Amino acid sequence: TKPDLVKFYIECLFEAKNQKLIQELKILNDSEVSILERNKSYEIPILFSLLANTKVAAENNVWYPVGEGAIKSLKIDLDQKNFLIKKYDSDLKDELWKQKIYIAIIY
């Protein structure tokens, strides 16, 4: 079904820490304008296709696979747990983007 396909697509992107998805998240994270406005200046095809139409996004629960993946990774990913207990250091900002929980928060 359509929701299963969307869920599977998002799961694959999230679990693989897809670099194109992460680049798009970085672009959107540095902006205070809507995804519709941001798409006029930057290529963000993954996130635009998933989130631009909020009614379709809500119908397909596009946040669900990321939330599920984040919860699962918090339970089983020891490297992520060890990273999260470190004291915050701005020099580790690039390292944040390697953590599923951070990717999920920004998503």
PDB file of N, CA and C in Angstrom:
ATOM      1  N   THR A   1       0.833  -1.188   0.000  1.00  0.00           N
ATOM      2  CA  THR A   1       0.000   0.000   0.000  1.00  0.00           C
ATOM      3  C   THR A   1       0.871   1.241   0.000  1.00  0.00           C
ATOM      4  N   LYS A   2       0.264   2.354  -0.339  1.00  0.00           N
ATOM      5  CA  LYS A   2       1.009   3.614  -0.419  1.00  0.00           C
ATOM      6  C   LYS A   2       1.674   3.991   0.906  1.00  0.00           C
ATOM      7  N   PRO A   3       0.962   3.944   2.040  1.00  0.00           N
ATOM      8  CA  PRO A   3       1.635   4.292   3.306  1.00  0.00           C
ATOM      9  C   PRO A   3       2.823   3.384   3.620  1.00  0.00           C
ATOM     10  N   ASP A   4       2.708   2.093   3.274  1.00  0.00           N
ATOM     11  CA  ASP A   4       3.821   1.177   3.527  1.00  0.00           C
ATOM     12  C   ASP A   4       5.032   1.523   2.680  1.00  0.00           C
ATOM     13  N   LEU A   5       4.802   1.923   1.437  1.00  0.00           N
ATOM     14  CA  LEU A   5       5.897   2.310   0.558  1.00  0.00           C
ATOM     15  C   LEU A   5       6.584   3.566   1.083  1.00  0.00           C
ATOM     16  N   VAL A   6       5.798   4.543   1.502  1.00  0.00           N
ATOM     17  CA  VAL A   6       6.364   5.780   2.054  1.00  0.00           C
ATOM     18  C   VAL A   6       7.159   5.460   3.312  1.00  0.00           C
ATOM     19  N   LYS A   7       6.589   4.645   4.182  1.00  0.00           N
ATOM     20  CA  LYS A   7       7.277   4.273   5.422  1.00  0.00           C
ATOM     21  C   LYS A   7       8.598   3.570   5.117  1.00  0.00           C
ATOM     22  N   PHE A   8       8.567   2.635   4.190  1.00  0.00           N
ATOM     23  CA  PHE A   8       9.771   1.896   3.826  1.00  0.00           C
ATOM     24  C   PHE A   8      10.842   2.835   3.261  1.00  0.00           C
ATOM     25  N   TYR A   9      10.443   3.756   2.390  1.00  0.00           N
ATOM     26  CA  TYR A   9      11.367   4.731   1.792  1.00  0.00           C
ATOM     27  C   TYR A   9      12.041   5.567   2.876  1.00  0.00           C
ATOM     28  N   ILE A  10      11.251   6.093   3.791  1.00  0.00           N
ATOM     29  CA  ILE A  10      11.802   6.940   4.848  1.00  0.00           C
ATOM     30  C   ILE A  10      12.690   6.119   5.779  1.00  0.00           C
ATOM     31  N   GLU A  11      12.269   4.909   6.115  1.00  0.00           N
ATOM     32  CA  GLU A  11      13.100   4.029   6.955  1.00  0.00           C
ATOM     33  C   GLU A  11      14.462   3.802   6.318  1.00  0.00           C
ATOM     34  N   CYS A  12      14.458   3.528   5.018  1.00  0.00           N
ATOM     35  CA  CYS A  12      15.730   3.269   4.314  1.00  0.00           C
ATOM     36  C   CYS A  12      16.636   4.493   4.360  1.00  0.00           C
ATOM     37  N   LEU A  13      16.071   5.661   4.122  1.00  0.00           N
ATOM     38  CA  LEU A  13      16.875   6.891   4.177  1.00  0.00           C
ATOM     39  C   LEU A  13      17.441   7.112   5.573  1.00  0.00           C
ATOM     40  N   PHE A  14      16.595   6.954   6.582  1.00  0.00           N
ATOM     41  CA  PHE A  14      16.996   7.218   7.958  1.00  0.00           C
ATOM     42  C   PHE A  14      18.012   6.198   8.449  1.00  0.00           C
ATOM     43  N   GLU A  15      17.743   4.925   8.249  1.00  0.00           N
ATOM     44  CA  GLU A  15      18.639   3.881   8.741  1.00  0.00           C
ATOM     45  C   GLU A  15      20.022   3.967   8.101  1.00  0.00           C
ATOM     46  N   ALA A  16      20.072   4.381   6.844  1.00  0.00           N
ATOM     47  CA  ALA A  16      21.355   4.494   6.140  1.00  0.00           C
ATOM     48  C   ALA A  16      22.045   5.824   6.424  1.00  0.00           C
ATOM     49  N   LYS A  17      21.381   6.688   7.191  1.00  0.00           N
ATOM     50  CA  LYS A  17      21.891   8.054   7.407  1.00  0.00           C
ATOM     51  C   LYS A  17      22.262   8.657   6.049  1.00  0.00           C
ATOM     52  N   ASN A  18      21.304   8.577   5.126  1.00  0.00           N
ATOM     53  CA  ASN A  18      21.481   9.014   3.757  1.00  0.00           C
ATOM     54  C   ASN A  18      22.042  10.440   3.713  1.00  0.00           C
ATOM     55  N   GLN A  19      23.175  10.606   3.045  1.00  0.00           N
ATOM     56  CA  GLN A  19      23.876  11.894   3.044  1.00  0.00           C
ATOM     57  C   GLN A  19      23.090  12.984   2.323  1.00  0.00           C
ATOM     58  N   LYS A  20      22.341  12.625   1.291  1.00  0.00           N
ATOM     59  CA  LYS A  20      21.507  13.622   0.602  1.00  0.00           C
ATOM     60  C   LYS A  20      20.413  14.123   1.545  1.00  0.00           C
ATOM     61  N   LEU A  21      19.790  13.219   2.288  1.00  0.00           N
ATOM     62  CA  LEU A  21      18.782  13.611   3.276  1.00  0.00           C
ATOM     63  C   LEU A  21      19.409  14.522   4.335  1.00  0.00           C
ATOM     64  N   ILE A  22      20.572  14.156   4.815  1.00  0.00           N
ATOM     65  CA  ILE A  22      21.241  14.968   5.843  1.00  0.00           C
ATOM     66  C   ILE A  22      21.592  16.346   5.299  1.00  0.00           C
ATOM     67  N   GLN A  23      22.063  16.422   4.059  1.00  0.00           N
ATOM     68  CA  GLN A  23      22.369  17.730   3.458  1.00  0.00           C
ATOM     69  C   GLN A  23      21.114  18.590   3.384  1.00  0.00           C
ATOM     70  N   GLU A  24      19.994  17.978   3.010  1.00  0.00           N
ATOM     71  CA  GLU A  24      18.737  18.725   2.928  1.00  0.00           C
ATOM     72  C   GLU A  24      18.279  19.173   4.316  1.00  0.00           C
ATOM     73  N   LEU A  25      18.448  18.322   5.304  1.00  0.00           N
ATOM     74  CA  LEU A  25      18.087  18.708   6.675  1.00  0.00           C
ATOM     75  C   LEU A  25      18.938  19.880   7.153  1.00  0.00           C
ATOM     76  N   LYS A  26      20.214  19.871   6.808  1.00  0.00           N
ATOM     77  CA  LYS A  26      21.090  20.983   7.180  1.00  0.00           C
ATOM     78  C   LYS A  26      20.614  22.284   6.529  1.00  0.00           C
ATOM     79  N   ILE A  27      20.215  22.212   5.275  1.00  0.00           N
ATOM     80  CA  ILE A  27      19.711  23.396   4.567  1.00  0.00           C
ATOM     81  C   ILE A  27      18.463  23.932   5.258  1.00  0.00           C
ATOM     82  N   LEU A  28      17.543  23.053   5.591  1.00  0.00           N
ATOM     83  CA  LEU A  28      16.305  23.495   6.235  1.00  0.00           C
ATOM     84  C   LEU A  28      16.531  23.926   7.673  1.00  0.00           C
ATOM     85  N   ASN A  29      17.461  23.304   8.352  1.00  0.00           N
ATOM     86  CA  ASN A  29      17.736  23.634   9.744  1.00  0.00           C
ATOM     87  C   ASN A  29      18.294  25.048   9.888  1.00  0.00           C
ATOM     88  N   ASP A  30      18.976  25.526   8.870  1.00  0.00           N
ATOM     89  CA  ASP A  30      19.575  26.860   8.909  1.00  0.00           C
ATOM     90  C   ASP A  30      18.633  27.947   8.386  1.00  0.00           C
ATOM     91  N   SER A  31      17.348  27.655   8.349  1.00  0.00           N
ATOM     92  CA  SER A  31      16.400  28.596   7.764  1.00  0.00           C
ATOM     93  C   SER A  31      15.196  28.796   8.671  1.00  0.00           C
ATOM     94  N   GLU A  32      14.627  29.988   8.574  1.00  0.00           N
ATOM     95  CA  GLU A  32      13.397  30.267   9.317  1.00  0.00           C
ATOM     96  C   GLU A  32      12.207  30.396   8.379  1.00  0.00           C
ATOM     97  N   VAL A  33      12.406  30.093   7.093  1.00  0.00           N
ATOM     98  CA  VAL A  33      11.305  30.170   6.128  1.00  0.00           C
ATOM     99  C   VAL A  33      10.724  28.788   5.892  1.00  0.00           C
ATOM    100  N   SER A  34       9.579  28.753   5.270  1.00  0.00           N
ATOM    101  CA  SER A  34       8.897  27.482   5.015  1.00  0.00           C
ATOM    102  C   SER A  34       9.664  26.630   4.016  1.00  0.00           C
ATOM    103  N   ILE A  35       9.324  25.375   3.991  1.00  0.00           N
ATOM    104  CA  ILE A  35       9.943  24.461   3.034  1.00  0.00           C
ATOM    105  C   ILE A  35       9.609  24.891   1.604  1.00  0.00           C
ATOM    106  N   LEU A  36       8.442  25.460   1.406  1.00  0.00           N
ATOM    107  CA  LEU A  36       8.062  25.942   0.073  1.00  0.00           C
ATOM    108  C   LEU A  36       8.977  27.074  -0.377  1.00  0.00           C
ATOM    109  N   GLU A  37       9.264  28.000   0.517  1.00  0.00           N
ATOM    110  CA  GLU A  37      10.170  29.113   0.193  1.00  0.00           C
ATOM    111  C   GLU A  37      11.604  28.632   0.020  1.00  0.00           C
ATOM    112  N   ARG A  38      12.032  27.755   0.882  1.00  0.00           N
ATOM    113  CA  ARG A  38      13.416  27.258   0.830  1.00  0.00           C
ATOM    114  C   ARG A  38      13.675  26.491  -0.464  1.00  0.00           C
ATOM    115  N   ASN A  39      12.645  25.803  -0.939  1.00  0.00           N
ATOM    116  CA  ASN A  39      12.770  25.021  -2.167  1.00  0.00           C
ATOM    117  C   ASN A  39      13.004  25.916  -3.393  1.00  0.00           C
ATOM    118  N   LYS A  40      12.643  27.186  -3.300  1.00  0.00           N
ATOM    119  CA  LYS A  40      12.862  28.114  -4.418  1.00  0.00           C
ATOM    120  C   LYS A  40      14.345  28.443  -4.577  1.00  0.00           C
ATOM    121  N   SER A  41      15.096  28.378  -3.499  1.00  0.00           N
ATOM    122  CA  SER A  41      16.516  28.747  -3.531  1.00  0.00           C
ATOM    123  C   SER A  41      17.462  27.553  -3.504  1.00  0.00           C
ATOM    124  N   TYR A  42      16.994  26.431  -2.988  1.00  0.00           N
ATOM    125  CA  TYR A  42      17.850  25.251  -2.830  1.00  0.00           C
ATOM    126  C   TYR A  42      17.134  24.010  -3.350  1.00  0.00           C
ATOM    127  N   GLU A  43      17.930  23.066  -3.822  1.00  0.00           N
ATOM    128  CA  GLU A  43      17.362  21.786  -4.229  1.00  0.00           C
ATOM    129  C   GLU A  43      17.232  20.894  -3.006  1.00  0.00           C
ATOM    130  N   ILE A  44      16.000  20.621  -2.631  1.00  0.00           N
ATOM    131  CA  ILE A  44      15.717  19.747  -1.486  1.00  0.00           C
ATOM    132  C   ILE A  44      14.624  18.747  -1.892  1.00  0.00           C
ATOM    133  N   PRO A  45      14.912  17.922  -2.900  1.00  0.00           N
ATOM    134  CA  PRO A  45      13.867  17.069  -3.460  1.00  0.00           C
ATOM    135  C   PRO A  45      13.291  16.029  -2.502  1.00  0.00           C
ATOM    136  N   ILE A  46      14.118  15.479  -1.643  1.00  0.00           N
ATOM    137  CA  ILE A  46      13.608  14.441  -0.729  1.00  0.00           C
ATOM    138  C   ILE A  46      12.624  15.055   0.250  1.00  0.00           C
ATOM    139  N   LEU A  47      13.063  16.058   0.980  1.00  0.00           N
ATOM    140  CA  LEU A  47      12.207  16.649   1.997  1.00  0.00           C
ATOM    141  C   LEU A  47      11.036  17.402   1.392  1.00  0.00           C
ATOM    142  N   PHE A  48      11.253  18.036   0.259  1.00  0.00           N
ATOM    143  CA  PHE A  48      10.154  18.736  -0.393  1.00  0.00           C
ATOM    144  C   PHE A  48       9.059  17.746  -0.796  1.00  0.00           C
ATOM    145  N   SER A  49       9.470  16.617  -1.368  1.00  0.00           N
ATOM    146  CA  SER A  49       8.473  15.630  -1.801  1.00  0.00           C
ATOM    147  C   SER A  49       7.727  15.017  -0.616  1.00  0.00           C
ATOM    148  N   LEU A  50       8.382  14.914   0.535  1.00  0.00           N
ATOM    149  CA  LEU A  50       7.743  14.315   1.705  1.00  0.00           C
ATOM    150  C   LEU A  50       6.905  15.309   2.513  1.00  0.00           C
ATOM    151  N   LEU A  51       7.337  16.572   2.567  1.00  0.00           N
ATOM    152  CA  LEU A  51       6.752  17.499   3.532  1.00  0.00           C
ATOM    153  C   LEU A  51       6.017  18.700   2.950  1.00  0.00           C
ATOM    154  N   ALA A  52       6.176  18.981   1.668  1.00  0.00           N
ATOM    155  CA  ALA A  52       5.584  20.204   1.111  1.00  0.00           C
ATOM    156  C   ALA A  52       4.065  20.210   1.212  1.00  0.00           C
ATOM    157  N   ASN A  53       3.455  19.092   0.936  1.00  0.00           N
ATOM    158  CA  ASN A  53       2.002  18.996   1.056  1.00  0.00           C
ATOM    159  C   ASN A  53       1.693  18.405   2.434  1.00  0.00           C
ATOM    160  N   THR A  54       1.362  19.271   3.368  1.00  0.00           N
ATOM    161  CA  THR A  54       1.211  18.827   4.754  1.00  0.00           C
ATOM    162  C   THR A  54       0.047  17.851   4.936  1.00  0.00           C
ATOM    163  N   LYS A  55      -0.985  17.978   4.134  1.00  0.00           N
ATOM    164  CA  LYS A  55      -2.121  17.050   4.235  1.00  0.00           C
ATOM    165  C   LYS A  55      -1.682  15.634   3.851  1.00  0.00           C
ATOM    166  N   VAL A  56      -0.955  15.527   2.760  1.00  0.00           N
ATOM    167  CA  VAL A  56      -0.451  14.215   2.322  1.00  0.00           C
ATOM    168  C   VAL A  56       0.573  13.683   3.321  1.00  0.00           C
ATOM    169  N   ALA A  57       1.424  14.567   3.835  1.00  0.00           N
ATOM    170  CA  ALA A  57       2.422  14.148   4.826  1.00  0.00           C
ATOM    171  C   ALA A  57       1.731  13.580   6.061  1.00  0.00           C
ATOM    172  N   ALA A  58       0.666  14.247   6.511  1.00  0.00           N
ATOM    173  CA  ALA A  58      -0.066  13.771   7.690  1.00  0.00           C
ATOM    174  C   ALA A  58      -0.760  12.446   7.398  1.00  0.00           C
ATOM    175  N   GLU A  59      -1.351  12.316   6.233  1.00  0.00           N
ATOM    176  CA  GLU A  59      -2.043  11.069   5.870  1.00  0.00           C
ATOM    177  C   GLU A  59      -1.080   9.890   5.806  1.00  0.00           C
ATOM    178  N   ASN A  60       0.164  10.158   5.428  1.00  0.00           N
ATOM    179  CA  ASN A  60       1.159   9.089   5.293  1.00  0.00           C
ATOM    180  C   ASN A  60       2.069   8.955   6.499  1.00  0.00           C
ATOM    181  N   ASN A  61       1.810   9.730   7.557  1.00  0.00           N
ATOM    182  CA  ASN A  61       2.600   9.635   8.790  1.00  0.00           C
ATOM    183  C   ASN A  61       4.102   9.666   8.518  1.00  0.00           C
ATOM    184  N   VAL A  62       4.548  10.666   7.772  1.00  0.00           N
ATOM    185  CA  VAL A  62       5.947  10.686   7.337  1.00  0.00           C
ATOM    186  C   VAL A  62       6.945  10.836   8.471  1.00  0.00           C
ATOM    187  N   TRP A  63       6.503  11.194   9.638  1.00  0.00           N
ATOM    188  CA  TRP A  63       7.411  11.328  10.790  1.00  0.00           C
ATOM    189  C   TRP A  63       7.558   9.999  11.531  1.00  0.00           C
ATOM    190  N   TYR A  64       6.609   9.104  11.357  1.00  0.00           N
ATOM    191  CA  TYR A  64       6.555   7.869  12.132  1.00  0.00           C
ATOM    192  C   TYR A  64       7.804   6.994  11.982  1.00  0.00           C
ATOM    193  N   PRO A  65       8.257   6.692  10.757  1.00  0.00           N
ATOM    194  CA  PRO A  65       9.439   5.823  10.633  1.00  0.00           C
ATOM    195  C   PRO A  65      10.693   6.424  11.267  1.00  0.00           C
ATOM    196  N   VAL A  66      10.816   7.730  11.227  1.00  0.00           N
ATOM    197  CA  VAL A  66      11.983   8.378  11.834  1.00  0.00           C
ATOM    198  C   VAL A  66      11.882   8.297  13.350  1.00  0.00           C
ATOM    199  N   GLY A  67      10.704   8.550  13.887  1.00  0.00           N
ATOM    200  CA  GLY A  67      10.501   8.433  15.330  1.00  0.00           C
ATOM    201  C   GLY A  67      10.757   7.016  15.827  1.00  0.00           C
ATOM    202  N   GLU A  68      10.225   6.036  15.093  1.00  0.00           N
ATOM    203  CA  GLU A  68      10.463   4.625  15.446  1.00  0.00           C
ATOM    204  C   GLU A  68      11.947   4.297  15.413  1.00  0.00           C
ATOM    205  N   GLY A  69      12.614   4.745  14.353  1.00  0.00           N
ATOM    206  CA  GLY A  69      14.044   4.468  14.211  1.00  0.00           C
ATOM    207  C   GLY A  69      14.862   5.131  15.303  1.00  0.00           C
ATOM    208  N   ALA A  70      14.463   6.337  15.685  1.00  0.00           N
ATOM    209  CA  ALA A  70      15.181   7.051  16.752  1.00  0.00           C
ATOM    210  C   ALA A  70      15.038   6.317  18.083  1.00  0.00           C
ATOM    211  N   ILE A  71      13.832   5.882  18.392  1.00  0.00           N
ATOM    212  CA  ILE A  71      13.599   5.146  19.641  1.00  0.00           C
ATOM    213  C   ILE A  71      14.406   3.856  19.656  1.00  0.00           C
ATOM    214  N   LYS A  72      14.363   3.131  18.542  1.00  0.00           N
ATOM    215  CA  LYS A  72      15.120   1.875  18.444  1.00  0.00           C
ATOM    216  C   LYS A  72      16.616   2.132  18.610  1.00  0.00           C
ATOM    217  N   SER A  73      17.122   3.184  17.969  1.00  0.00           N
ATOM    218  CA  SER A  73      18.563   3.449  18.064  1.00  0.00           C
ATOM    219  C   SER A  73      18.964   3.867  19.469  1.00  0.00           C
ATOM    220  N   LEU A  74      18.079   4.558  20.178  1.00  0.00           N
ATOM    221  CA  LEU A  74      18.385   4.923  21.565  1.00  0.00           C
ATOM    222  C   LEU A  74      18.493   3.685  22.452  1.00  0.00           C
ATOM    223  N   LYS A  75      17.738   2.665  22.118  1.00  0.00           N
ATOM    224  CA  LYS A  75      17.751   1.440  22.915  1.00  0.00           C
ATOM    225  C   LYS A  75      18.968   0.565  22.635  1.00  0.00           C
ATOM    226  N   ILE A  76      19.431   0.551  21.375  1.00  0.00           N
ATOM    227  CA  ILE A  76      20.443  -0.453  21.025  1.00  0.00           C
ATOM    228  C   ILE A  76      21.790   0.091  20.567  1.00  0.00           C
ATOM    229  N   ASP A  77      21.883   1.364  20.217  1.00  0.00           N
ATOM    230  CA  ASP A  77      23.123   1.919  19.664  1.00  0.00           C
ATOM    231  C   ASP A  77      24.010   2.450  20.786  1.00  0.00           C
ATOM    232  N   LEU A  78      24.981   1.646  21.187  1.00  0.00           N
ATOM    233  CA  LEU A  78      25.868   2.028  22.288  1.00  0.00           C
ATOM    234  C   LEU A  78      26.744   3.223  21.950  1.00  0.00           C
ATOM    235  N   ASP A  79      27.193   3.329  20.698  1.00  0.00           N
ATOM    236  CA  ASP A  79      28.010   4.485  20.299  1.00  0.00           C
ATOM    237  C   ASP A  79      27.219   5.774  20.457  1.00  0.00           C
ATOM    238  N   GLN A  80      25.957   5.734  20.069  1.00  0.00           N
ATOM    239  CA  GLN A  80      25.114   6.917  20.210  1.00  0.00           C
ATOM    240  C   GLN A  80      24.892   7.248  21.684  1.00  0.00           C
ATOM    241  N   LYS A  81      24.642   6.246  22.492  1.00  0.00           N
ATOM    242  CA  LYS A  81      24.466   6.482  23.931  1.00  0.00           C
ATOM    243  C   LYS A  81      25.709   7.130  24.529  1.00  0.00           C
ATOM    244  N   ASN A  82      26.873   6.621  24.173  1.00  0.00           N
ATOM    245  CA  ASN A  82      28.123   7.187  24.681  1.00  0.00           C
ATOM    246  C   ASN A  82      28.317   8.623  24.210  1.00  0.00           C
ATOM    247  N   PHE A  83      27.945   8.898  22.982  1.00  0.00           N
ATOM    248  CA  PHE A  83      28.060  10.260  22.474  1.00  0.00           C
ATOM    249  C   PHE A  83      27.120  11.199  23.224  1.00  0.00           C
ATOM    250  N   LEU A  84      25.919  10.745  23.503  1.00  0.00           N
ATOM    251  CA  LEU A  84      24.919  11.588  24.151  1.00  0.00           C
ATOM    252  C   LEU A  84      25.269  11.946  25.595  1.00  0.00           C
ATOM    253  N   ILE A  85      26.063  11.122  26.241  1.00  0.00           N
ATOM    254  CA  ILE A  85      26.410  11.440  27.629  1.00  0.00           C
ATOM    255  C   ILE A  85      27.622  12.372  27.734  1.00  0.00           C
ATOM    256  N   LYS A  86      28.258  12.645  26.589  1.00  0.00           N
ATOM    257  CA  LYS A  86      29.378  13.590  26.593  1.00  0.00           C
ATOM    258  C   LYS A  86      28.866  14.994  26.860  1.00  0.00           C
ATOM    259  N   LYS A  87      29.714  15.789  27.460  1.00  0.00           N
ATOM    260  CA  LYS A  87      29.403  17.199  27.657  1.00  0.00           C
ATOM    261  C   LYS A  87      29.377  17.873  26.285  1.00  0.00           C
ATOM    262  N   TYR A  88      28.418  18.791  26.093  1.00  0.00           N
ATOM    263  CA  TYR A  88      28.304  19.462  24.791  1.00  0.00           C
ATOM    264  C   TYR A  88      29.579  20.237  24.477  1.00  0.00           C
ATOM    265  N   ASP A  89      30.009  20.108  23.252  1.00  0.00           N
ATOM    266  CA  ASP A  89      31.181  20.811  22.764  1.00  0.00           C
ATOM    267  C   ASP A  89      30.871  21.237  21.327  1.00  0.00           C
ATOM    268  N   SER A  90      30.911  22.521  21.048  1.00  0.00           N
ATOM    269  CA  SER A  90      30.565  23.013  19.713  1.00  0.00           C
ATOM    270  C   SER A  90      31.490  22.446  18.630  1.00  0.00           C
ATOM    271  N   ASP A  91      32.661  21.992  19.007  1.00  0.00           N
ATOM    272  CA  ASP A  91      33.567  21.373  18.041  1.00  0.00           C
ATOM    273  C   ASP A  91      33.039  20.030  17.538  1.00  0.00           C
ATOM    274  N   LEU A  92      32.076  19.473  18.238  1.00  0.00           N
ATOM    275  CA  LEU A  92      31.505  18.179  17.854  1.00  0.00           C
ATOM    276  C   LEU A  92      30.257  18.314  16.979  1.00  0.00           C
ATOM    277  N   LYS A  93      29.984  19.525  16.478  1.00  0.00           N
ATOM    278  CA  LYS A  93      28.762  19.756  15.700  1.00  0.00           C
ATOM    279  C   LYS A  93      28.651  18.794  14.512  1.00  0.00           C
ATOM    280  N   ASP A  94      29.742  18.571  13.798  1.00  0.00           N
ATOM    281  CA  ASP A  94      29.691  17.634  12.673  1.00  0.00           C
ATOM    282  C   ASP A  94      29.358  16.222  13.138  1.00  0.00           C
ATOM    283  N   GLU A  95      29.817  15.882  14.326  1.00  0.00           N
ATOM    284  CA  GLU A  95      29.535  14.561  14.887  1.00  0.00           C
ATOM    285  C   GLU A  95      28.045  14.391  15.188  1.00  0.00           C
ATOM    286  N   LEU A  96      27.371  15.490  15.525  1.00  0.00           N
ATOM    287  CA  LEU A  96      25.929  15.423  15.789  1.00  0.00           C
ATOM    288  C   LEU A  96      25.174  14.840  14.604  1.00  0.00           C
ATOM    289  N   TRP A  97      25.581  15.239  13.408  1.00  0.00           N
ATOM    290  CA  TRP A  97      24.883  14.787  12.201  1.00  0.00           C
ATOM    291  C   TRP A  97      25.104  13.304  11.902  1.00  0.00           C
ATOM    292  N   LYS A  98      25.950  12.655  12.668  1.00  0.00           N
ATOM    293  CA  LYS A  98      26.142  11.208  12.517  1.00  0.00           C
ATOM    294  C   LYS A  98      25.277  10.410  13.489  1.00  0.00           C
ATOM    295  N   GLN A  99      24.544  11.111  14.335  1.00  0.00           N
ATOM    296  CA  GLN A  99      23.716  10.468  15.361  1.00  0.00           C
ATOM    297  C   GLN A  99      22.254  10.446  14.914  1.00  0.00           C
ATOM    298  N   LYS A 100      21.669   9.275  14.916  1.00  0.00           N
ATOM    299  CA  LYS A 100      20.278   9.147  14.456  1.00  0.00           C
ATOM    300  C   LYS A 100      19.321  10.000  15.267  1.00  0.00           C
ATOM    301  N   ILE A 101      19.556  10.128  16.549  1.00  0.00           N
ATOM    302  CA  ILE A 101      18.633  10.908  17.366  1.00  0.00           C
ATOM    303  C   ILE A 101      18.655  12.376  16.938  1.00  0.00           C
ATOM    304  N   TYR A 102      19.812  12.903  16.606  1.00  0.00           N
ATOM    305  CA  TYR A 102      19.902  14.304  16.154  1.00  0.00           C
ATOM    306  C   TYR A 102      19.228  14.463  14.800  1.00  0.00           C
ATOM    307  N   ILE A 103      19.477  13.523  13.893  1.00  0.00           N
ATOM    308  CA  ILE A 103      18.840  13.551  12.582  1.00  0.00           C
ATOM    309  C   ILE A 103      17.322  13.541  12.770  1.00  0.00           C
ATOM    310  N   ALA A 104      16.836  12.695  13.678  1.00  0.00           N
ATOM    311  CA  ALA A 104      15.398  12.595  13.926  1.00  0.00           C
ATOM    312  C   ALA A 104      14.841  13.893  14.497  1.00  0.00           C
ATOM    313  N   ILE A 105      15.566  14.525  15.386  1.00  0.00           N
ATOM    314  CA  ILE A 105      15.106  15.785  15.977  1.00  0.00           C
ATOM    315  C   ILE A 105      14.971  16.851  14.898  1.00  0.00           C
ATOM    316  N   ILE A 106      15.957  16.967  14.036  1.00  0.00           N
ATOM    317  CA  ILE A 106      15.910  17.978  12.991  1.00  0.00           C
ATOM    318  C   ILE A 106      14.822  17.646  11.967  1.00  0.00           C
ATOM    319  N   TYR A 107      14.666  16.377  11.659  1.00  0.00           N
ATOM    320  CA  TYR A 107      13.615  15.949  10.725  1.00  0.00           C
ATOM    321  C   TYR A 107      12.263  16.385  11.237  1.00  0.00           C
TER     322      TYR A 107
END
